[in-house]
Amino acid sequence: MSEILTLGIVASGLLLMLGILKSKTVFNILFIIILCAMLLPFAASFGKGMDSWLLLVFCVIFGLLVLQGFTALIFGRRAADSAVGSLIANLLLAPLRILIGIFRALFFRRTI
């Protein structure tokens, strides 16, 4: 793990020296690297002691946050908010749509 952190620090410094990245971006990357290095041991022990259903909820939330981050990186913040909001709305409405389909099939059958 320390090799990855070292590689991230060296790569961000090199990109700063070459002028590819701005200093604010490099400081943000370094902040994320240092924060991950400090919090990952606590997160690992926290995940081992957690119930599996609660860990699943946290994984889904973290996955949506990562999806929003990558979408914001590619398409912009507003498009990312709209895409993740639409995905969450569809996930919440999916069980309701399934129940409506079952009730329609049971109670509104057409006879030949």
PDB file of N, CA and C in Angstrom:
ATOM      1  N   MET A   1       0.820  -1.195   0.000  1.00  0.00           N
ATOM      2  CA  MET A   1       0.000   0.000   0.000  1.00  0.00           C
ATOM      3  C   MET A   1       0.862   1.257   0.000  1.00  0.00           C
ATOM      4  N   SER A   2       1.978   1.217   0.712  1.00  0.00           N
ATOM      5  CA  SER A   2       2.838   2.402   0.777  1.00  0.00           C
ATOM      6  C   SER A   2       3.475   2.703  -0.580  1.00  0.00           C
ATOM      7  N   GLU A   3       3.673   1.667  -1.414  1.00  0.00           N
ATOM      8  CA  GLU A   3       4.239   1.902  -2.729  1.00  0.00           C
ATOM      9  C   GLU A   3       3.272   2.694  -3.601  1.00  0.00           C
ATOM     10  N   ILE A   4       1.992   2.402  -3.476  1.00  0.00           N
ATOM     11  CA  ILE A   4       0.993   3.127  -4.250  1.00  0.00           C
ATOM     12  C   ILE A   4       0.923   4.580  -3.802  1.00  0.00           C
ATOM     13  N   LEU A   5       0.994   4.798  -2.493  1.00  0.00           N
ATOM     14  CA  LEU A   5       0.970   6.164  -1.982  1.00  0.00           C
ATOM     15  C   LEU A   5       2.192   6.945  -2.452  1.00  0.00           C
ATOM     16  N   THR A   6       3.351   6.305  -2.404  1.00  0.00           N
ATOM     17  CA  THR A   6       4.576   6.959  -2.860  1.00  0.00           C
ATOM     18  C   THR A   6       4.502   7.270  -4.347  1.00  0.00           C
ATOM     19  N   LEU A   7       3.982   6.335  -5.126  1.00  0.00           N
ATOM     20  CA  LEU A   7       3.835   6.548  -6.558  1.00  0.00           C
ATOM     21  C   LEU A   7       2.886   7.702  -6.836  1.00  0.00           C
ATOM     22  N   GLY A   8       1.798   7.800  -6.089  1.00  0.00           N
ATOM     23  CA  GLY A   8       0.851   8.901  -6.276  1.00  0.00           C
ATOM     24  C   GLY A   8       1.465  10.245  -5.954  1.00  0.00           C
ATOM     25  N   ILE A   9       2.254  10.301  -4.890  1.00  0.00           N
ATOM     26  CA  ILE A   9       2.909  11.551  -4.509  1.00  0.00           C
ATOM     27  C   ILE A   9       3.951  11.956  -5.552  1.00  0.00           C
ATOM     28  N   VAL A  10       4.761  11.005  -5.993  1.00  0.00           N
ATOM     29  CA  VAL A  10       5.797  11.304  -6.985  1.00  0.00           C
ATOM     30  C   VAL A  10       5.168  11.693  -8.319  1.00  0.00           C
ATOM     31  N   ALA A  11       4.125  10.977  -8.730  1.00  0.00           N
ATOM     32  CA  ALA A  11       3.472  11.276 -10.014  1.00  0.00           C
ATOM     33  C   ALA A  11       2.819  12.649  -9.993  1.00  0.00           C
ATOM     34  N   SER A  12       2.175  13.002  -8.885  1.00  0.00           N
ATOM     35  CA  SER A  12       1.548  14.321  -8.830  1.00  0.00           C
ATOM     36  C   SER A  12       2.599  15.427  -8.820  1.00  0.00           C
ATOM     37  N   GLY A  13       3.733  15.201  -8.145  1.00  0.00           N
ATOM     38  CA  GLY A  13       4.818  16.179  -8.183  1.00  0.00           C
ATOM     39  C   GLY A  13       5.396  16.338  -9.577  1.00  0.00           C
ATOM     40  N   LEU A  14       5.563  15.236 -10.289  1.00  0.00           N
ATOM     41  CA  LEU A  14       6.091  15.282 -11.648  1.00  0.00           C
ATOM     42  C   LEU A  14       5.132  16.018 -12.582  1.00  0.00           C
ATOM     43  N   LEU A  15       3.833  15.732 -12.445  1.00  0.00           N
ATOM     44  CA  LEU A  15       2.846  16.416 -13.280  1.00  0.00           C
ATOM     45  C   LEU A  15       2.784  17.904 -12.964  1.00  0.00           C
ATOM     46  N   LEU A  16       3.037  18.269 -11.711  1.00  0.00           N
ATOM     47  CA  LEU A  16       3.083  19.688 -11.347  1.00  0.00           C
ATOM     48  C   LEU A  16       4.299  20.363 -11.971  1.00  0.00           C
ATOM     49  N   MET A  17       5.455  19.688 -11.938  1.00  0.00           N
ATOM     50  CA  MET A  17       6.664  20.263 -12.512  1.00  0.00           C
ATOM     51  C   MET A  17       6.561  20.404 -14.028  1.00  0.00           C
ATOM     52  N   LEU A  18       5.890  19.464 -14.677  1.00  0.00           N
ATOM     53  CA  LEU A  18       5.727  19.541 -16.132  1.00  0.00           C
ATOM     54  C   LEU A  18       4.655  20.540 -16.549  1.00  0.00           C
ATOM     55  N   GLY A  19       3.865  21.004 -15.598  1.00  0.00           N
ATOM     56  CA  GLY A  19       2.829  21.987 -15.895  1.00  0.00           C
ATOM     57  C   GLY A  19       1.534  21.380 -16.391  1.00  0.00           C
ATOM     58  N   ILE A  20       1.372  20.087 -16.262  1.00  0.00           N
ATOM     59  CA  ILE A  20       0.143  19.427 -16.708  1.00  0.00           C
ATOM     60  C   ILE A  20      -0.982  19.679 -15.712  1.00  0.00           C
ATOM     61  N   LEU A  21      -0.647  19.658 -14.423  1.00  0.00           N
ATOM     62  CA  LEU A  21      -1.631  19.914 -13.373  1.00  0.00           C
ATOM     63  C   LEU A  21      -1.315  21.235 -12.679  1.00  0.00           C
ATOM     64  N   LYS A  22      -2.366  21.875 -12.169  1.00  0.00           N
ATOM     65  CA  LYS A  22      -2.183  23.103 -11.400  1.00  0.00           C
ATOM     66  C   LYS A  22      -1.897  22.739  -9.946  1.00  0.00           C
ATOM     67  N   SER A  23      -1.388  23.697  -9.202  1.00  0.00           N
ATOM     68  CA  SER A  23      -0.998  23.427  -7.816  1.00  0.00           C
ATOM     69  C   SER A  23      -2.207  23.080  -6.949  1.00  0.00           C
ATOM     70  N   LYS A  24      -3.364  23.691  -7.216  1.00  0.00           N
ATOM     71  CA  LYS A  24      -4.566  23.380  -6.439  1.00  0.00           C
ATOM     72  C   LYS A  24      -4.987  21.929  -6.649  1.00  0.00           C
ATOM     73  N   THR A  25      -4.907  21.460  -7.871  1.00  0.00           N
ATOM     74  CA  THR A  25      -5.259  20.073  -8.172  1.00  0.00           C
ATOM     75  C   THR A  25      -4.294  19.109  -7.495  1.00  0.00           C
ATOM     76  N   VAL A  26      -3.016  19.426  -7.514  1.00  0.00           N
ATOM     77  CA  VAL A  26      -2.021  18.565  -6.878  1.00  0.00           C
ATOM     78  C   VAL A  26      -2.236  18.516  -5.372  1.00  0.00           C
ATOM     79  N   PHE A  27      -2.541  19.659  -4.762  1.00  0.00           N
ATOM     80  CA  PHE A  27      -2.804  19.662  -3.325  1.00  0.00           C
ATOM     81  C   PHE A  27      -4.059  18.863  -2.989  1.00  0.00           C
ATOM     82  N   ASN A  28      -5.061  18.914  -3.847  1.00  0.00           N
ATOM     83  CA  ASN A  28      -6.261  18.096  -3.625  1.00  0.00           C
ATOM     84  C   ASN A  28      -5.924  16.607  -3.721  1.00  0.00           C
ATOM     85  N   ILE A  29      -5.107  16.235  -4.702  1.00  0.00           N
ATOM     86  CA  ILE A  29      -4.716  14.833  -4.844  1.00  0.00           C
ATOM     87  C   ILE A  29      -3.899  14.377  -3.637  1.00  0.00           C
ATOM     88  N   LEU A  30      -2.959  15.210  -3.199  1.00  0.00           N
ATOM     89  CA  LEU A  30      -2.152  14.866  -2.031  1.00  0.00           C
ATOM     90  C   LEU A  30      -3.001  14.765  -0.766  1.00  0.00           C
ATOM     91  N   PHE A  31      -3.990  15.633  -0.629  1.00  0.00           N
ATOM     92  CA  PHE A  31      -4.893  15.565   0.513  1.00  0.00           C
ATOM     93  C   PHE A  31      -5.657  14.243   0.519  1.00  0.00           C
ATOM     94  N   ILE A  32      -6.142  13.827  -0.636  1.00  0.00           N
ATOM     95  CA  ILE A  32      -6.887  12.565  -0.727  1.00  0.00           C
ATOM     96  C   ILE A  32      -5.968  11.386  -0.422  1.00  0.00           C
ATOM     97  N   ILE A  33      -4.733  11.420  -0.909  1.00  0.00           N
ATOM     98  CA  ILE A  33      -3.788  10.334  -0.658  1.00  0.00           C
ATOM     99  C   ILE A  33      -3.481  10.227   0.835  1.00  0.00           C
ATOM    100  N   ILE A  34      -3.200  11.351   1.482  1.00  0.00           N
ATOM    101  CA  ILE A  34      -2.876  11.333   2.907  1.00  0.00           C
ATOM    102  C   ILE A  34      -4.092  10.941   3.739  1.00  0.00           C
ATOM    103  N   LEU A  35      -5.264  11.418   3.350  1.00  0.00           N
ATOM    104  CA  LEU A  35      -6.492  11.064   4.069  1.00  0.00           C
ATOM    105  C   LEU A  35      -6.782   9.571   3.957  1.00  0.00           C
ATOM    106  N   CYS A  36      -6.589   9.005   2.767  1.00  0.00           N
ATOM    107  CA  CYS A  36      -6.784   7.564   2.589  1.00  0.00           C
ATOM    108  C   CYS A  36      -5.781   6.760   3.407  1.00  0.00           C
ATOM    109  N   ALA A  37      -4.541   7.236   3.453  1.00  0.00           N
ATOM    110  CA  ALA A  37      -3.514   6.527   4.220  1.00  0.00           C
ATOM    111  C   ALA A  37      -3.842   6.516   5.710  1.00  0.00           C
ATOM    112  N   MET A  38      -4.455   7.587   6.190  1.00  0.00           N
ATOM    113  CA  MET A  38      -4.792   7.646   7.615  1.00  0.00           C
ATOM    114  C   MET A  38      -6.086   6.910   7.946  1.00  0.00           C
ATOM    115  N   LEU A  39      -7.053   6.899   7.041  1.00  0.00           N
ATOM    116  CA  LEU A  39      -8.372   6.358   7.364  1.00  0.00           C
ATOM    117  C   LEU A  39      -8.581   4.902   6.969  1.00  0.00           C
ATOM    118  N   LEU A  40      -7.793   4.364   6.046  1.00  0.00           N
ATOM    119  CA  LEU A  40      -8.019   2.990   5.601  1.00  0.00           C
ATOM    120  C   LEU A  40      -7.867   1.942   6.705  1.00  0.00           C
ATOM    121  N   PRO A  41      -6.912   2.036   7.625  1.00  0.00           N
ATOM    122  CA  PRO A  41      -6.868   1.035   8.707  1.00  0.00           C
ATOM    123  C   PRO A  41      -8.115   1.064   9.598  1.00  0.00           C
ATOM    124  N   PHE A  42      -8.621   2.258   9.868  1.00  0.00           N
ATOM    125  CA  PHE A  42      -9.834   2.358  10.678  1.00  0.00           C
ATOM    126  C   PHE A  42     -11.047   1.825   9.927  1.00  0.00           C
ATOM    127  N   ALA A  43     -11.108   2.093   8.637  1.00  0.00           N
ATOM    128  CA  ALA A  43     -12.235   1.614   7.834  1.00  0.00           C
ATOM    129  C   ALA A  43     -12.225   0.093   7.730  1.00  0.00           C
ATOM    130  N   ALA A  44     -11.052  -0.503   7.658  1.00  0.00           N
ATOM    131  CA  ALA A  44     -10.960  -1.963   7.573  1.00  0.00           C
ATOM    132  C   ALA A  44     -11.459  -2.623   8.858  1.00  0.00           C
ATOM    133  N   SER A  45     -11.055  -2.092   9.996  1.00  0.00           N
ATOM    134  CA  SER A  45     -11.530  -2.675  11.254  1.00  0.00           C
ATOM    135  C   SER A  45     -13.006  -2.379  11.477  1.00  0.00           C
ATOM    136  N   PHE A  46     -13.454  -1.236  10.992  1.00  0.00           N
ATOM    137  CA  PHE A  46     -14.876  -0.880  11.102  1.00  0.00           C
ATOM    138  C   PHE A  46     -15.733  -1.812  10.247  1.00  0.00           C
ATOM    139  N   GLY A  47     -15.231  -2.161   9.068  1.00  0.00           N
ATOM    140  CA  GLY A  47     -15.964  -3.048   8.170  1.00  0.00           C
ATOM    141  C   GLY A  47     -16.020  -4.485   8.670  1.00  0.00           C
ATOM    142  N   LYS A  48     -14.986  -4.926   9.373  1.00  0.00           N
ATOM    143  CA  LYS A  48     -14.971  -6.304   9.890  1.00  0.00           C
ATOM    144  C   LYS A  48     -15.982  -6.487  11.013  1.00  0.00           C
ATOM    145  N   GLY A  49     -16.211  -5.456  11.799  1.00  0.00           N
ATOM    146  CA  GLY A  49     -17.126  -5.578  12.924  1.00  0.00           C
ATOM    147  C   GLY A  49     -18.566  -5.239  12.594  1.00  0.00           C
ATOM    148  N   MET A  50     -18.853  -4.885  11.357  1.00  0.00           N
ATOM    149  CA  MET A  50     -20.188  -4.444  10.972  1.00  0.00           C
ATOM    150  C   MET A  50     -21.032  -5.612  10.475  1.00  0.00           C
ATOM    151  N   ASP A  51     -22.347  -5.500  10.654  1.00  0.00           N
ATOM    152  CA  ASP A  51     -23.251  -6.500  10.089  1.00  0.00           C
ATOM    153  C   ASP A  51     -23.172  -6.460   8.563  1.00  0.00           C
ATOM    154  N   SER A  52     -23.489  -7.587   7.940  1.00  0.00           N
ATOM    155  CA  SER A  52     -23.330  -7.668   6.493  1.00  0.00           C
ATOM    156  C   SER A  52     -24.333  -6.784   5.751  1.00  0.00           C
ATOM    157  N   TRP A  53     -25.556  -6.648   6.258  1.00  0.00           N
ATOM    158  CA  TRP A  53     -26.529  -5.814   5.568  1.00  0.00           C
ATOM    159  C   TRP A  53     -26.154  -4.334   5.669  1.00  0.00           C
ATOM    160  N   LEU A  54     -25.589  -3.935   6.793  1.00  0.00           N
ATOM    161  CA  LEU A  54     -25.168  -2.549   6.941  1.00  0.00           C
ATOM    162  C   LEU A  54     -23.939  -2.256   6.088  1.00  0.00           C
ATOM    163  N   LEU A  55     -23.063  -3.236   5.970  1.00  0.00           N
ATOM    164  CA  LEU A  55     -21.902  -3.094   5.096  1.00  0.00           C
ATOM    165  C   LEU A  55     -22.352  -2.977   3.641  1.00  0.00           C
ATOM    166  N   LEU A  56     -23.384  -3.717   3.265  1.00  0.00           N
ATOM    167  CA  LEU A  56     -23.926  -3.624   1.915  1.00  0.00           C
ATOM    168  C   LEU A  56     -24.483  -2.231   1.647  1.00  0.00           C
ATOM    169  N   VAL A  57     -25.188  -1.657   2.621  1.00  0.00           N
ATOM    170  CA  VAL A  57     -25.738  -0.309   2.459  1.00  0.00           C
ATOM    171  C   VAL A  57     -24.611   0.705   2.274  1.00  0.00           C
ATOM    172  N   PHE A  58     -23.564   0.593   3.095  1.00  0.00           N
ATOM    173  CA  PHE A  58     -22.434   1.508   2.959  1.00  0.00           C
ATOM    174  C   PHE A  58     -21.721   1.320   1.628  1.00  0.00           C
ATOM    175  N   CYS A  59     -21.619   0.096   1.152  1.00  0.00           N
ATOM    176  CA  CYS A  59     -20.974  -0.149  -0.137  1.00  0.00           C
ATOM    177  C   CYS A  59     -21.782   0.447  -1.287  1.00  0.00           C
ATOM    178  N   VAL A  60     -23.095   0.341  -1.213  1.00  0.00           N
ATOM    179  CA  VAL A  60     -23.953   0.926  -2.252  1.00  0.00           C
ATOM    180  C   VAL A  60     -23.821   2.442  -2.247  1.00  0.00           C
ATOM    181  N   ILE A  61     -23.847   3.045  -1.062  1.00  0.00           N
ATOM    182  CA  ILE A  61     -23.706   4.499  -0.967  1.00  0.00           C
ATOM    183  C   ILE A  61     -22.338   4.939  -1.480  1.00  0.00           C
ATOM    184  N   PHE A  62     -21.290   4.221  -1.090  1.00  0.00           N
ATOM    185  CA  PHE A  62     -19.950   4.556  -1.565  1.00  0.00           C
ATOM    186  C   PHE A  62     -19.845   4.381  -3.079  1.00  0.00           C
ATOM    187  N   GLY A  63     -20.469   3.341  -3.612  1.00  0.00           N
ATOM    188  CA  GLY A  63     -20.462   3.128  -5.061  1.00  0.00           C
ATOM    189  C   GLY A  63     -21.151   4.255  -5.808  1.00  0.00           C
ATOM    190  N   LEU A  64     -22.281   4.734  -5.258  1.00  0.00           N
ATOM    191  CA  LEU A  64     -22.970   5.855  -5.896  1.00  0.00           C
ATOM    192  C   LEU A  64     -22.144   7.134  -5.828  1.00  0.00           C
ATOM    193  N   LEU A  65     -21.432   7.325  -4.719  1.00  0.00           N
ATOM    194  CA  LEU A  65     -20.565   8.498  -4.612  1.00  0.00           C
ATOM    195  C   LEU A  65     -19.409   8.437  -5.598  1.00  0.00           C
ATOM    196  N   VAL A  66     -18.836   7.255  -5.773  1.00  0.00           N
ATOM    197  CA  VAL A  66     -17.748   7.096  -6.748  1.00  0.00           C
ATOM    198  C   VAL A  66     -18.279   7.311  -8.164  1.00  0.00           C
ATOM    199  N   LEU A  67     -19.458   6.771  -8.456  1.00  0.00           N
ATOM    200  CA  LEU A  67     -20.074   6.972  -9.772  1.00  0.00           C
ATOM    201  C   LEU A  67     -20.328   8.452 -10.024  1.00  0.00           C
ATOM    202  N   GLN A  68     -20.810   9.158  -9.013  1.00  0.00           N
ATOM    203  CA  GLN A  68     -21.048  10.587  -9.157  1.00  0.00           C
ATOM    204  C   GLN A  68     -19.742  11.340  -9.371  1.00  0.00           C
ATOM    205  N   GLY A  69     -18.703  10.939  -8.684  1.00  0.00           N
ATOM    206  CA  GLY A  69     -17.405  11.596  -8.861  1.00  0.00           C
ATOM    207  C   GLY A  69     -16.849  11.415 -10.261  1.00  0.00           C
ATOM    208  N   PHE A  70     -16.903  10.175 -10.779  1.00  0.00           N
ATOM    209  CA  PHE A  70     -16.406   9.941 -12.129  1.00  0.00           C
ATOM    210  C   PHE A  70     -17.271  10.640 -13.173  1.00  0.00           C
ATOM    211  N   THR A  71     -18.578  10.654 -12.960  1.00  0.00           N
ATOM    212  CA  THR A  71     -19.461  11.340 -13.891  1.00  0.00           C
ATOM    213  C   THR A  71     -19.209  12.843 -13.869  1.00  0.00           C
ATOM    214  N   ALA A  72     -18.973  13.390 -12.674  1.00  0.00           N
ATOM    215  CA  ALA A  72     -18.659  14.813 -12.576  1.00  0.00           C
ATOM    216  C   ALA A  72     -17.330  15.128 -13.239  1.00  0.00           C
ATOM    217  N   LEU A  73     -16.395  14.219 -13.151  1.00  0.00           N
ATOM    218  CA  LEU A  73     -15.098  14.433 -13.783  1.00  0.00           C
ATOM    219  C   LEU A  73     -15.223  14.460 -15.301  1.00  0.00           C
ATOM    220  N   ILE A  74     -16.086  13.626 -15.843  1.00  0.00           N
ATOM    221  CA  ILE A  74     -16.211  13.522 -17.292  1.00  0.00           C
ATOM    222  C   ILE A  74     -17.210  14.541 -17.858  1.00  0.00           C
ATOM    223  N   PHE A  75     -18.401  14.642 -17.251  1.00  0.00           N
ATOM    224  CA  PHE A  75     -19.477  15.437 -17.837  1.00  0.00           C
ATOM    225  C   PHE A  75     -19.761  16.746 -17.119  1.00  0.00           C
ATOM    226  N   GLY A  76     -19.312  16.906 -15.881  1.00  0.00           N
ATOM    227  CA  GLY A  76     -19.609  18.118 -15.123  1.00  0.00           C
ATOM    228  C   GLY A  76     -20.487  17.810 -13.923  1.00  0.00           C
ATOM    229  N   ARG A  77     -20.508  18.752 -12.978  1.00  0.00           N
ATOM    230  CA  ARG A  77     -21.202  18.542 -11.708  1.00  0.00           C
ATOM    231  C   ARG A  77     -22.721  18.422 -11.878  1.00  0.00           C
ATOM    232  N   ARG A  78     -23.323  19.271 -12.677  1.00  0.00           N
ATOM    233  CA  ARG A  78     -24.789  19.229 -12.826  1.00  0.00           C
ATOM    234  C   ARG A  78     -25.250  17.952 -13.508  1.00  0.00           C
ATOM    235  N   ALA A  79     -24.522  17.526 -14.512  1.00  0.00           N
ATOM    236  CA  ALA A  79     -24.880  16.283 -15.196  1.00  0.00           C
ATOM    237  C   ALA A  79     -24.719  15.094 -14.259  1.00  0.00           C
ATOM    238  N   ALA A  80     -23.697  15.127 -13.406  1.00  0.00           N
ATOM    239  CA  ALA A  80     -23.480  14.040 -12.448  1.00  0.00           C
ATOM    240  C   ALA A  80     -24.604  14.001 -11.419  1.00  0.00           C
ATOM    241  N   ASP A  81     -24.999  15.159 -10.903  1.00  0.00           N
ATOM    242  CA  ASP A  81     -26.098  15.194  -9.941  1.00  0.00           C
ATOM    243  C   ASP A  81     -27.388  14.677 -10.558  1.00  0.00           C
ATOM    244  N   SER A  82     -27.642  15.062 -11.793  1.00  0.00           N
ATOM    245  CA  SER A  82     -28.855  14.609 -12.478  1.00  0.00           C
ATOM    246  C   SER A  82     -28.824  13.101 -12.741  1.00  0.00           C
ATOM    247  N   ALA A  83     -27.667  12.586 -13.167  1.00  0.00           N
ATOM    248  CA  ALA A  83     -27.565  11.155 -13.475  1.00  0.00           C
ATOM    249  C   ALA A  83     -27.713  10.303 -12.228  1.00  0.00           C
ATOM    250  N   VAL A  84     -27.040  10.680 -11.144  1.00  0.00           N
ATOM    251  CA  VAL A  84     -27.129   9.893  -9.913  1.00  0.00           C
ATOM    252  C   VAL A  84     -28.515  10.022  -9.295  1.00  0.00           C
ATOM    253  N   GLY A  85     -29.112  11.201  -9.363  1.00  0.00           N
ATOM    254  CA  GLY A  85     -30.482  11.373  -8.857  1.00  0.00           C
ATOM    255  C   GLY A  85     -31.480  10.523  -9.622  1.00  0.00           C
ATOM    256  N   SER A  86     -31.335  10.474 -10.931  1.00  0.00           N
ATOM    257  CA  SER A  86     -32.206   9.638 -11.755  1.00  0.00           C
ATOM    258  C   SER A  86     -32.012   8.157 -11.449  1.00  0.00           C
ATOM    259  N   LEU A  87     -30.765   7.737 -11.244  1.00  0.00           N
ATOM    260  CA  LEU A  87     -30.488   6.338 -10.903  1.00  0.00           C
ATOM    261  C   LEU A  87     -31.096   5.961  -9.558  1.00  0.00           C
ATOM    262  N   ILE A  88     -30.966   6.826  -8.570  1.00  0.00           N
ATOM    263  CA  ILE A  88     -31.541   6.551  -7.253  1.00  0.00           C
ATOM    264  C   ILE A  88     -33.058   6.504  -7.327  1.00  0.00           C
ATOM    265  N   ALA A  89     -33.659   7.413  -8.084  1.00  0.00           N
ATOM    266  CA  ALA A  89     -35.121   7.416  -8.231  1.00  0.00           C
ATOM    267  C   ALA A  89     -35.598   6.126  -8.882  1.00  0.00           C
ATOM    268  N   ASN A  90     -34.890   5.659  -9.903  1.00  0.00           N
ATOM    269  CA  ASN A  90     -35.270   4.407 -10.558  1.00  0.00           C
ATOM    270  C   ASN A  90     -35.089   3.214  -9.630  1.00  0.00           C
ATOM    271  N   LEU A  91     -34.042   3.220  -8.810  1.00  0.00           N
ATOM    272  CA  LEU A  91     -33.831   2.122  -7.862  1.00  0.00           C
ATOM    273  C   LEU A  91     -34.918   2.095  -6.784  1.00  0.00           C
ATOM    274  N   LEU A  92     -35.363   3.261  -6.359  1.00  0.00           N
ATOM    275  CA  LEU A  92     -36.404   3.308  -5.338  1.00  0.00           C
ATOM    276  C   LEU A  92     -37.774   2.967  -5.901  1.00  0.00           C
ATOM    277  N   LEU A  93     -38.007   3.284  -7.162  1.00  0.00           N
ATOM    278  CA  LEU A  93     -39.304   3.011  -7.768  1.00  0.00           C
ATOM    279  C   LEU A  93     -39.418   1.601  -8.348  1.00  0.00           C
ATOM    280  N   ALA A  94     -38.313   0.903  -8.516  1.00  0.00           N
ATOM    281  CA  ALA A  94     -38.341  -0.432  -9.126  1.00  0.00           C
ATOM    282  C   ALA A  94     -39.203  -1.429  -8.343  1.00  0.00           C
ATOM    283  N   PRO A  95     -39.093  -1.536  -7.005  1.00  0.00           N
ATOM    284  CA  PRO A  95     -39.971  -2.477  -6.295  1.00  0.00           C
ATOM    285  C   PRO A  95     -41.452  -2.119  -6.417  1.00  0.00           C
ATOM    286  N   LEU A  96     -41.734  -0.825  -6.430  1.00  0.00           N
ATOM    287  CA  LEU A  96     -43.125  -0.395  -6.582  1.00  0.00           C
ATOM    288  C   LEU A  96     -43.666  -0.765  -7.959  1.00  0.00           C
ATOM    289  N   ARG A  97     -42.863  -0.614  -8.994  1.00  0.00           N
ATOM    290  CA  ARG A  97     -43.295  -0.979 -10.343  1.00  0.00           C
ATOM    291  C   ARG A  97     -43.505  -2.487 -10.462  1.00  0.00           C
ATOM    292  N   ILE A  98     -42.683  -3.260  -9.787  1.00  0.00           N
ATOM    293  CA  ILE A  98     -42.848  -4.720  -9.808  1.00  0.00           C
ATOM    294  C   ILE A  98     -44.156  -5.106  -9.123  1.00  0.00           C
ATOM    295  N   LEU A  99     -44.439  -4.487  -7.971  1.00  0.00           N
ATOM    296  CA  LEU A  99     -45.706  -4.772  -7.273  1.00  0.00           C
ATOM    297  C   LEU A  99     -46.916  -4.370  -8.104  1.00  0.00           C
ATOM    298  N   ILE A 100     -46.856  -3.242  -8.769  1.00  0.00           N
ATOM    299  CA  ILE A 100     -47.961  -2.808  -9.626  1.00  0.00           C
ATOM    300  C   ILE A 100     -48.155  -3.797 -10.766  1.00  0.00           C
ATOM    301  N   GLY A 101     -47.067  -4.288 -11.339  1.00  0.00           N
ATOM    302  CA  GLY A 101     -47.169  -5.289 -12.408  1.00  0.00           C
ATOM    303  C   GLY A 101     -47.796  -6.585 -11.920  1.00  0.00           C
ATOM    304  N   ILE A 102     -47.440  -7.009 -10.718  1.00  0.00           N
ATOM    305  CA  ILE A 102     -48.033  -8.231 -10.153  1.00  0.00           C
ATOM    306  C   ILE A 102     -49.524  -8.034  -9.903  1.00  0.00           C
ATOM    307  N   PHE A 103     -49.907  -6.899  -9.306  1.00  0.00           N
ATOM    308  CA  PHE A 103     -51.320  -6.641  -9.045  1.00  0.00           C
ATOM    309  C   PHE A 103     -52.118  -6.511 -10.333  1.00  0.00           C
ATOM    310  N   ARG A 104     -51.560  -5.928 -11.352  1.00  0.00           N
ATOM    311  CA  ARG A 104     -52.255  -5.844 -12.637  1.00  0.00           C
ATOM    312  C   ARG A 104     -52.455  -7.232 -13.231  1.00  0.00           C
ATOM    313  N   ALA A 105     -51.451  -8.069 -13.102  1.00  0.00           N
ATOM    314  CA  ALA A 105     -51.570  -9.418 -13.656  1.00  0.00           C
ATOM    315  C   ALA A 105     -52.593 -10.240 -12.888  1.00  0.00           C
ATOM    316  N   LEU A 106     -52.709 -10.025 -11.571  1.00  0.00           N
ATOM    317  CA  LEU A 106     -53.647 -10.801 -10.766  1.00  0.00           C
ATOM    318  C   LEU A 106     -55.086 -10.322 -10.883  1.00  0.00           C
ATOM    319  N   PHE A 107     -55.289  -9.024 -10.833  1.00  0.00           N
ATOM    320  CA  PHE A 107     -56.650  -8.500 -10.721  1.00  0.00           C
ATOM    321  C   PHE A 107     -57.243  -7.984 -12.019  1.00  0.00           C
ATOM    322  N   PHE A 108     -56.452  -7.705 -13.010  1.00  0.00           N
ATOM    323  CA  PHE A 108     -56.983  -7.157 -14.249  1.00  0.00           C
ATOM    324  C   PHE A 108     -56.695  -8.094 -15.422  1.00  0.00           C
ATOM    325  N   ARG A 109     -56.929  -9.388 -15.185  1.00  0.00           N
ATOM    326  CA  ARG A 109     -56.728 -10.344 -16.259  1.00  0.00           C
ATOM    327  C   ARG A 109     -57.853 -10.211 -17.280  1.00  0.00           C
ATOM    328  N   ARG A 110     -57.493 -10.348 -18.524  1.00  0.00           N
ATOM    329  CA  ARG A 110     -58.498 -10.303 -19.567  1.00  0.00           C
ATOM    330  C   ARG A 110     -58.829 -11.723 -19.996  1.00  0.00           C
ATOM    331  N   THR A 111     -60.074 -11.990 -20.093  1.00  0.00           N
ATOM    332  CA  THR A 111     -60.491 -13.330 -20.530  1.00  0.00           C
ATOM    333  C   THR A 111     -60.703 -13.318 -22.031  1.00  0.00           C
ATOM    334  N   ILE A 112     -60.468 -14.448 -22.622  1.00  0.00           N
ATOM    335  CA  ILE A 112     -60.585 -14.549 -24.080  1.00  0.00           C
ATOM    336  C   ILE A 112     -62.003 -14.842 -24.473  1.00  0.00           C
TER     337      ILE A 112
END
